[in-house]
Amino acid sequence: MIRTTGVAVLRATMLAKHEHSCMNYRLSTISAITTFALLAGCASQPPINKSTVSGKPEVLVRESAASAIKAKLLENCAMRGMQVEEQQSTVSCTKTLDGTAGIAAQMMLGNSYSTTPTQRTTFLVTQRGTDTFVMMTSSAISTQMPGGQVKSQEVSNNRLINEVQTFLDNLQN
C-alpha cells in the first residue's frame, strides 16, 4: 500500500509538472501572438499626406501677422482641452494623457509611482515679410519619476504628422 501511494504521488507530481509546462507554453504562445500583433500594428502606418521641406508639419499662411496666427494656435489648443504657453516665437500645447493612452505611456516611460504622463507639442511661429510661417518643432510624452527624474520620449509617427498638418492647414482659413 505504501508503494502504491508513492507511485500515485509520483504520477501526480509528473502530471502537475506536465500541466505547468503546458500552461507556460500557452502563456508564451499568447505573449508571442500579442507581440506580433502589436508590432504588425506599428509597422502599418498610414502614408504621409503632405511632404514638407523640413519633414515636419508646417504651413506658410499668406498675408497674416504672426500675432494673429499665434492667437489662433492658442485658441485651437485651448478648445482641445490643452494647457497653452506662449513665448516670443513659440507656442506650446500640453495635454494630460488619460485612459488607454495614459496607461500605455506610463508603462512605457515610468511606473505606478510616476506622475500622469503629458504630451507637449511645440510650434515655431515666425513672420516672413507679410506671411507667417508655422512649424511643429517637437512633440514628446513625458512623466516624472518618484525621485524627480523626468523621462521623455519624442513622438513621431505618420498619424500624428498627418493630424498636425491638417491642424496647421486649417490655420489658413
Protein backbone atom coordinates (compact mmCIF):
# COMPACT_ATOMS: atom_id res chain seq x y z
CA MET A 1 0.00 0.00 0.00
CA ILE A 2 2.83 2.40 0.73
CA ARG A 3 4.40 1.53 -2.61
CA THR A 4 1.11 2.30 -4.43
CA THR A 5 0.81 5.65 -2.63
CA GLY A 6 4.39 6.54 -3.60
CA VAL A 7 3.69 5.71 -7.23
CA ALA A 8 0.45 7.72 -7.10
CA VAL A 9 2.31 10.72 -5.65
CA LEU A 10 4.99 10.39 -8.33
CA ARG A 11 2.35 10.25 -11.08
CA ALA A 12 0.50 13.24 -9.60
CA THR A 13 3.76 15.21 -9.43
CA MET A 14 4.64 14.35 -13.04
CA LEU A 15 1.13 15.28 -14.17
CA ALA A 16 1.34 18.62 -12.32
CA LYS A 17 4.72 19.37 -13.95
CA HIS A 18 3.26 18.50 -17.36
CA GLU A 19 0.24 20.78 -16.77
CA HIS A 20 2.57 23.54 -15.56
CA SER A 21 4.75 23.26 -18.69
CA CYS A 22 1.62 23.25 -20.88
CA MET A 23 0.43 26.40 -19.10
CA ASN A 24 3.82 28.07 -19.67
CA TYR A 25 3.66 27.04 -23.33
CA ARG A 26 0.18 28.56 -23.65
CA LEU A 27 1.28 31.79 -21.97
CA SER A 28 4.38 32.09 -24.13
CA THR A 29 2.28 31.42 -27.25
CA ILE A 30 -0.21 34.11 -26.21
CA SER A 31 2.67 36.52 -25.50
CA ALA A 32 4.22 35.83 -28.90
CA ILE A 33 0.91 36.40 -30.70
CA THR A 34 0.27 39.62 -28.78
CA THR A 35 3.78 40.92 -29.50
CA PHE A 36 3.42 40.07 -33.19
CA ALA A 37 0.05 41.86 -33.35
CA LEU A 38 1.49 44.97 -31.69
CA LEU A 39 4.50 45.04 -34.00
CA ALA A 40 2.34 44.46 -37.06
CA GLY A 41 0.13 47.36 -35.97
CA CYS A 42 3.18 49.61 -35.60
CA ALA A 43 4.57 48.60 -38.96
CA SER A 44 1.44 49.54 -40.90
CA GLN A 45 1.36 53.32 -40.65
CA PRO A 46 -0.74 55.44 -42.98
CA PRO A 47 1.21 57.35 -45.65
CA ILE A 48 2.15 60.97 -45.00
CA ASN A 49 -0.44 63.15 -46.74
CA LYS A 50 1.78 66.19 -47.37
CA SER A 51 5.57 66.25 -47.74
CA THR A 52 7.30 69.36 -46.43
CA VAL A 53 10.81 70.79 -46.76
CA SER A 54 11.59 70.20 -43.07
CA GLY A 55 9.93 66.78 -42.95
CA LYS A 56 7.75 68.10 -40.11
CA PRO A 57 4.25 69.55 -40.29
CA GLU A 58 4.46 73.17 -41.45
CA VAL A 59 2.43 75.86 -43.20
CA LEU A 60 3.01 79.31 -44.66
CA VAL A 61 -0.03 81.49 -44.00
CA ARG A 62 -0.16 84.23 -46.61
CA GLU A 63 -0.89 87.85 -45.73
CA SER A 64 -1.12 87.32 -41.97
CA ALA A 65 0.53 88.66 -38.85
CA ALA A 66 2.40 86.25 -36.56
CA SER A 67 0.44 87.59 -33.58
CA ALA A 68 -2.88 86.68 -35.24
CA ILE A 69 -1.66 83.16 -36.07
CA LYS A 70 -0.34 82.70 -32.51
CA ALA A 71 -3.76 83.72 -31.22
CA LYS A 72 -5.40 81.11 -33.48
CA LEU A 73 -2.94 78.43 -32.30
CA LEU A 74 -3.59 79.29 -28.66
CA GLU A 75 -7.36 79.23 -29.19
CA ASN A 76 -7.30 75.90 -31.08
CA CYS A 77 -5.16 74.24 -28.41
CA ALA A 78 -7.35 75.60 -25.60
CA MET A 79 -10.50 74.37 -27.39
CA ARG A 80 -8.96 70.86 -27.38
CA GLY A 81 -8.54 71.00 -23.59
CA MET A 82 -4.81 71.66 -23.66
CA GLN A 83 -2.78 73.96 -21.46
CA VAL A 84 -1.08 76.61 -23.56
CA GLU A 85 2.13 78.53 -23.11
CA GLU A 86 3.37 81.32 -25.36
CA GLN A 87 6.91 82.62 -25.61
CA GLN A 88 8.47 85.04 -28.07
CA SER A 89 8.40 82.79 -31.16
CA THR A 90 6.91 79.54 -29.85
CA VAL A 91 3.57 78.20 -28.72
CA SER A 92 3.45 75.03 -26.60
CA CYS A 93 0.30 72.95 -26.12
CA THR A 94 0.31 70.39 -23.28
CA LYS A 95 -2.29 67.70 -22.64
CA THR A 96 -2.52 65.18 -19.80
CA LEU A 97 -2.85 61.68 -21.21
CA ASP A 98 -5.64 59.63 -19.67
CA GLY A 99 -7.36 56.35 -20.41
CA THR A 100 -5.58 53.78 -22.55
CA ALA A 101 -3.06 56.29 -23.91
CA GLY A 102 -2.10 57.34 -20.39
CA ILE A 103 -1.72 53.76 -19.19
CA ALA A 104 0.39 52.80 -22.21
CA ALA A 105 2.62 55.87 -21.83
CA GLN A 106 3.06 55.26 -18.10
CA MET A 107 4.02 51.62 -18.75
CA MET A 108 6.47 52.70 -21.48
CA LEU A 109 8.17 55.53 -19.58
CA GLY A 110 7.56 55.15 -15.87
CA ASN A 111 5.96 53.04 -13.22
CA SER A 112 2.90 53.16 -10.98
CA TYR A 113 4.53 55.84 -8.80
CA SER A 114 5.22 58.21 -11.72
CA THR A 115 3.14 61.29 -12.43
CA THR A 116 0.38 61.07 -15.03
CA PRO A 117 2.08 61.34 -18.47
CA THR A 118 1.66 64.51 -20.53
CA GLN A 119 2.12 65.18 -24.23
CA ARG A 120 3.68 68.51 -25.17
CA THR A 121 3.64 69.78 -28.75
CA THR A 122 5.64 72.90 -29.59
CA PHE A 123 5.20 75.15 -32.62
CA LEU A 124 7.58 77.73 -34.06
CA VAL A 125 5.81 80.87 -35.34
CA THR A 126 7.82 83.41 -37.36
CA GLN A 127 6.99 86.39 -39.52
CA ARG A 128 8.31 86.23 -43.11
CA GLY A 129 7.54 89.57 -44.70
CA THR A 130 3.75 89.75 -44.88
CA ASP A 131 3.39 85.98 -44.36
CA THR A 132 3.64 83.82 -41.23
CA PHE A 133 5.48 80.50 -41.12
CA VAL A 134 4.35 77.88 -38.58
CA MET A 135 6.11 74.56 -37.96
CA MET A 136 5.75 71.83 -35.33
CA THR A 137 9.23 71.63 -33.80
CA SER A 138 8.59 68.78 -31.37
CA SER A 139 6.01 66.53 -29.79
CA ALA A 140 7.02 64.48 -26.76
CA ILE A 141 5.41 62.44 -23.99
CA SER A 142 6.94 62.80 -20.54
CA THR A 143 6.44 61.71 -16.94
CA GLN A 144 8.21 62.47 -13.68
CA MET A 145 9.62 59.54 -11.74
CA PRO A 146 9.37 59.35 -7.90
CA GLY A 147 12.92 60.71 -7.37
CA GLY A 148 12.25 63.76 -9.56
CA GLN A 149 13.83 62.40 -12.76
CA VAL A 150 11.83 63.31 -15.86
CA LYS A 151 11.62 60.67 -18.58
CA SER A 152 10.62 61.82 -22.04
CA GLN A 153 10.03 60.16 -25.41
CA GLU A 154 9.74 62.01 -28.73
CA VAL A 155 6.55 61.10 -30.62
CA SER A 156 6.89 60.90 -34.37
CA ASN A 157 4.61 58.76 -36.45
CA ASN A 158 2.72 59.31 -39.68
CA ARG A 159 -0.69 59.51 -37.99
CA LEU A 160 0.48 62.34 -35.71
CA ILE A 161 2.21 64.14 -38.58
CA ASN A 162 -0.99 63.99 -40.68
CA GLU A 163 -3.17 65.23 -37.78
CA VAL A 164 -0.86 68.15 -37.01
CA GLN A 165 -0.53 69.02 -40.72
CA THR A 166 -4.33 69.16 -41.05
CA PHE A 167 -4.46 71.28 -37.87
CA LEU A 168 -1.90 73.71 -39.34
CA ASP A 169 -3.56 73.80 -42.77
CA ASN A 170 -6.79 74.88 -41.06
CA LEU A 171 -4.98 78.00 -39.77
CA GLN A 172 -5.19 79.39 -43.31
CA ASN A 173 -8.99 79.75 -43.03
